Protein backbone atom coordinates (compact mmCIF):
# COMPACT_ATOMS: atom_id res chain seq x y z
CA UNK A 1 127.91 101.80 -6.29
CA UNK A 2 124.37 103.21 -5.23
CA UNK A 3 124.24 104.60 -1.55
CA UNK A 4 120.34 104.83 -1.50
CA UNK A 5 118.96 103.45 1.98
CA UNK A 6 115.29 101.89 1.25
CA UNK A 7 114.22 101.11 4.46
CA UNK A 8 111.10 98.67 4.58
CA UNK A 9 108.42 98.02 7.27
CA UNK A 10 105.42 95.81 7.72
CA UNK A 11 102.72 93.57 9.70
CA UNK A 12 103.83 89.52 10.20
CA UNK A 13 102.53 87.63 7.04
CA UNK A 14 102.17 91.56 4.80
CA UNK A 15 104.99 90.56 2.29
CA UNK A 16 107.68 92.79 3.62
CA UNK A 17 110.08 90.51 2.74
CA UNK A 18 109.17 89.47 -0.29
CA UNK A 19 108.79 92.79 -1.33
CA UNK A 20 111.75 94.14 0.10
CA UNK A 21 113.68 91.40 -1.59
CA UNK A 22 112.53 92.02 -4.87
CA UNK A 23 113.27 96.13 -4.43
CA UNK A 24 117.08 94.57 -3.43
CA UNK A 25 117.19 92.06 -6.53
CA UNK A 26 115.61 94.87 -8.77
CA UNK A 27 117.75 97.74 -8.34
CA UNK A 28 121.08 96.07 -7.44
CA UNK A 29 120.78 96.69 -3.66
CA UNK A 30 122.18 94.70 -0.71
CA UNK A 31 119.79 93.39 1.07
CA UNK A 32 119.37 93.13 5.39
CA UNK A 33 116.96 91.22 6.85
CA UNK A 34 116.61 92.15 10.80
CA UNK A 35 114.13 89.22 11.12
CA UNK A 36 116.56 87.00 9.89
CA UNK A 37 118.71 88.51 12.29
CA UNK A 38 116.43 87.64 15.14
CA UNK A 39 115.44 84.35 14.12
CA UNK A 40 119.15 83.58 14.16
CA UNK A 41 119.74 85.19 17.52
CA UNK A 42 116.38 82.30 18.67
CA UNK A 43 118.51 79.40 16.95
CA UNK A 44 122.02 80.38 18.70
CA UNK A 45 119.68 80.57 21.90
CA UNK A 46 117.61 77.21 21.34
CA UNK A 47 114.90 78.85 21.55
CA UNK A 48 111.83 79.40 19.08
CA UNK A 49 110.71 82.22 17.42
CA UNK A 50 108.04 83.40 19.81
CA UNK A 51 110.31 82.61 23.19
CA UNK A 52 113.00 85.46 21.64
CA UNK A 53 110.07 87.83 21.54
CA UNK A 54 109.11 86.94 25.40
CA UNK A 55 112.80 87.82 26.39
CA UNK A 56 113.22 90.83 24.47
CA UNK A 57 110.07 92.13 26.18
CA UNK A 58 112.58 91.97 29.34
CA UNK A 59 116.16 92.62 27.83
CA UNK A 60 116.47 95.51 26.07
CA UNK A 61 119.44 94.70 24.29
CA UNK A 62 118.41 92.44 21.98
CA UNK A 63 116.69 94.69 20.17
CA UNK A 64 119.50 97.45 20.27
CA UNK A 65 121.58 95.01 18.92
CA UNK A 66 119.68 94.34 16.03
CA UNK A 67 119.16 97.85 15.47
CA UNK A 68 122.51 98.73 15.73
CA UNK A 69 123.75 96.43 13.00
CA UNK A 70 120.62 97.95 11.02
CA UNK A 71 122.16 101.59 11.30
CA UNK A 72 125.70 100.02 10.83
CA UNK A 73 124.01 98.63 7.66
CA UNK A 74 121.97 101.29 6.51
CA UNK A 75 125.29 103.82 7.11
CA UNK A 76 127.00 102.04 4.63
CA UNK A 77 124.21 102.46 1.61
CA UNK A 78 122.87 101.07 -1.28
CA UNK A 79 120.86 98.58 0.91
CA UNK A 80 117.36 97.46 1.60
CA UNK A 81 116.76 97.02 5.38
CA UNK A 82 113.70 95.43 6.13
CA UNK A 83 112.30 94.78 9.79
CA UNK A 84 109.15 95.25 12.11
CA UNK A 85 110.94 98.86 13.33
CA UNK A 86 113.06 99.20 10.35
CA UNK A 87 111.25 102.43 9.06
CA UNK A 88 111.46 103.94 12.79
CA UNK A 89 114.70 103.26 13.52
CA UNK A 90 116.38 104.71 9.90
CA UNK A 91 113.68 107.37 9.53
CA UNK A 92 116.52 110.17 9.44
CA UNK A 93 119.07 107.88 7.40
CA UNK A 94 116.81 106.13 4.73
CA UNK A 95 116.18 107.57 1.70
CA UNK A 96 112.88 105.77 1.06
CA UNK A 97 110.42 104.26 3.51
CA UNK A 98 107.81 101.49 3.14
CA UNK A 99 105.40 99.87 4.83
CA UNK A 100 103.43 97.14 3.72
CA UNK A 101 100.33 96.14 5.60
CA UNK A 102 97.07 93.80 5.03
CA UNK A 103 94.10 92.60 7.34
CA UNK A 104 95.30 89.99 10.30
CA UNK A 105 92.62 87.51 8.69
CA UNK A 106 94.44 87.84 5.32
CA UNK A 107 98.02 87.61 6.68
CA UNK A 108 96.95 84.87 9.07
CA UNK A 109 95.97 82.89 6.21
CA UNK A 110 99.26 83.46 4.22
CA UNK A 111 101.19 82.54 7.38
CA UNK A 112 99.50 79.52 7.72
CA UNK A 113 99.91 78.10 4.17
CA UNK A 114 103.78 79.61 4.27
CA UNK A 115 104.67 77.70 7.54
CA UNK A 116 102.20 74.78 7.01
CA UNK A 117 100.28 75.44 10.24
CA UNK A 118 96.78 75.66 11.04
CA UNK A 119 94.91 79.39 10.74
CA UNK A 120 94.16 79.68 14.19
CA UNK A 121 97.91 78.95 14.95
CA UNK A 122 98.83 81.85 12.73
CA UNK A 123 96.29 84.08 14.07
CA UNK A 124 97.67 83.88 17.28
CA UNK A 125 101.42 84.08 16.81
CA UNK A 126 100.20 87.28 14.72
CA UNK A 127 98.42 88.26 17.74
CA UNK A 128 101.34 87.70 20.19
CA UNK A 129 104.10 88.92 17.91
CA UNK A 130 102.42 92.49 16.93
CA UNK A 131 101.65 92.50 20.67
CA UNK A 132 105.11 92.37 21.54
CA UNK A 133 106.72 94.51 18.75
CA UNK A 134 104.46 97.03 19.37
CA UNK A 135 105.13 97.06 23.67
CA UNK A 136 108.75 97.16 22.82
CA UNK A 137 108.77 99.94 20.15
CA UNK A 138 106.79 101.68 22.70
CA UNK A 139 108.77 100.57 25.95
CA UNK A 140 112.56 101.08 24.30
CA UNK A 141 112.09 103.61 21.90
CA UNK A 142 108.52 105.69 22.50
CA UNK A 143 107.71 104.55 19.31
CA UNK A 144 103.92 104.16 17.95
CA UNK A 145 104.45 101.56 14.78
CA UNK A 146 100.67 101.52 14.53
CA UNK A 147 101.52 105.19 13.00
CA UNK A 148 102.20 105.03 9.49
CA UNK A 149 103.33 108.74 8.80
CA UNK A 150 107.04 108.25 9.06
CA UNK A 151 106.83 106.21 5.57
CA UNK A 152 106.83 108.16 1.97
CA UNK A 153 104.88 104.64 0.96
CA UNK A 154 101.72 102.62 2.47
CA UNK A 155 100.62 99.74 0.42
CA UNK A 156 97.93 97.62 1.11
CA UNK A 157 98.69 93.91 -0.08
CA UNK A 158 95.31 92.97 0.44
CA UNK A 159 93.98 92.74 -3.23
CA UNK A 160 96.18 92.67 -5.47
CA UNK A 161 98.48 89.94 -6.86
CA UNK A 162 102.38 90.57 -5.75
CA UNK A 163 103.41 91.39 -9.30
CA UNK A 164 101.02 94.47 -9.25
CA UNK A 165 102.37 95.19 -5.54
CA UNK A 166 105.55 95.01 -7.21
CA UNK A 167 104.50 97.25 -9.91
CA UNK A 168 103.48 100.07 -7.46
CA UNK A 169 106.47 99.67 -5.66
CA UNK A 170 108.64 99.75 -8.42
CA UNK A 171 106.40 103.02 -9.72
CA UNK A 172 107.29 105.02 -6.80
CA UNK A 173 110.96 104.11 -6.28
CA UNK A 174 111.18 104.86 -10.36
CA UNK A 175 110.21 108.02 -9.81
CA UNK A 176 112.31 108.73 -6.30
CA UNK A 177 115.54 107.77 -8.87
CA UNK A 178 114.56 110.09 -11.65
CA UNK A 179 114.54 113.23 -8.92
CA UNK A 180 117.64 111.79 -7.22
CA UNK A 181 119.76 110.46 -9.96
CA UNK A 182 123.10 110.57 -8.16
CA UNK A 183 121.39 107.90 -5.00
CA UNK A 184 121.09 105.04 -7.64
CA UNK A 185 124.66 105.67 -9.78
């Protein structure tokens, strides 16, 4: 079984979930989504996603729970861990760290289309989520999630279609696999 650990982060609407799932399927790795766990907690509490973000701003246990789960899953190996803090939280565990990004307006258009909401609603959601994520990362971990220097690969998803982005990412991972085949065995 592969033991490689790939951490994927990105801004809301940048494609991090799409490309994390692709990496997981293409390389036969487990897929763990911190965002999915965050949404599950919101559902369990009977509140919406943004409400849980506001609660997490006051209660660090929410983020700590999610990040501890990510660490545990990473330690098992053979996994793609996706989440807004994954590359930073797993910086000493992950073999490959990838960040996806695109301009805010491009991401708002994607979210509006995906979720069936107006561009304005999507843009406001992004602004709130980014502010909450940034402030919590700084407050709880001392991390500046706008500093992408922790990543091995930073991909702008603005100009290329998804299939081209997948080729870019798989080219990097394939080169890594050639250098460290034991991690993919």
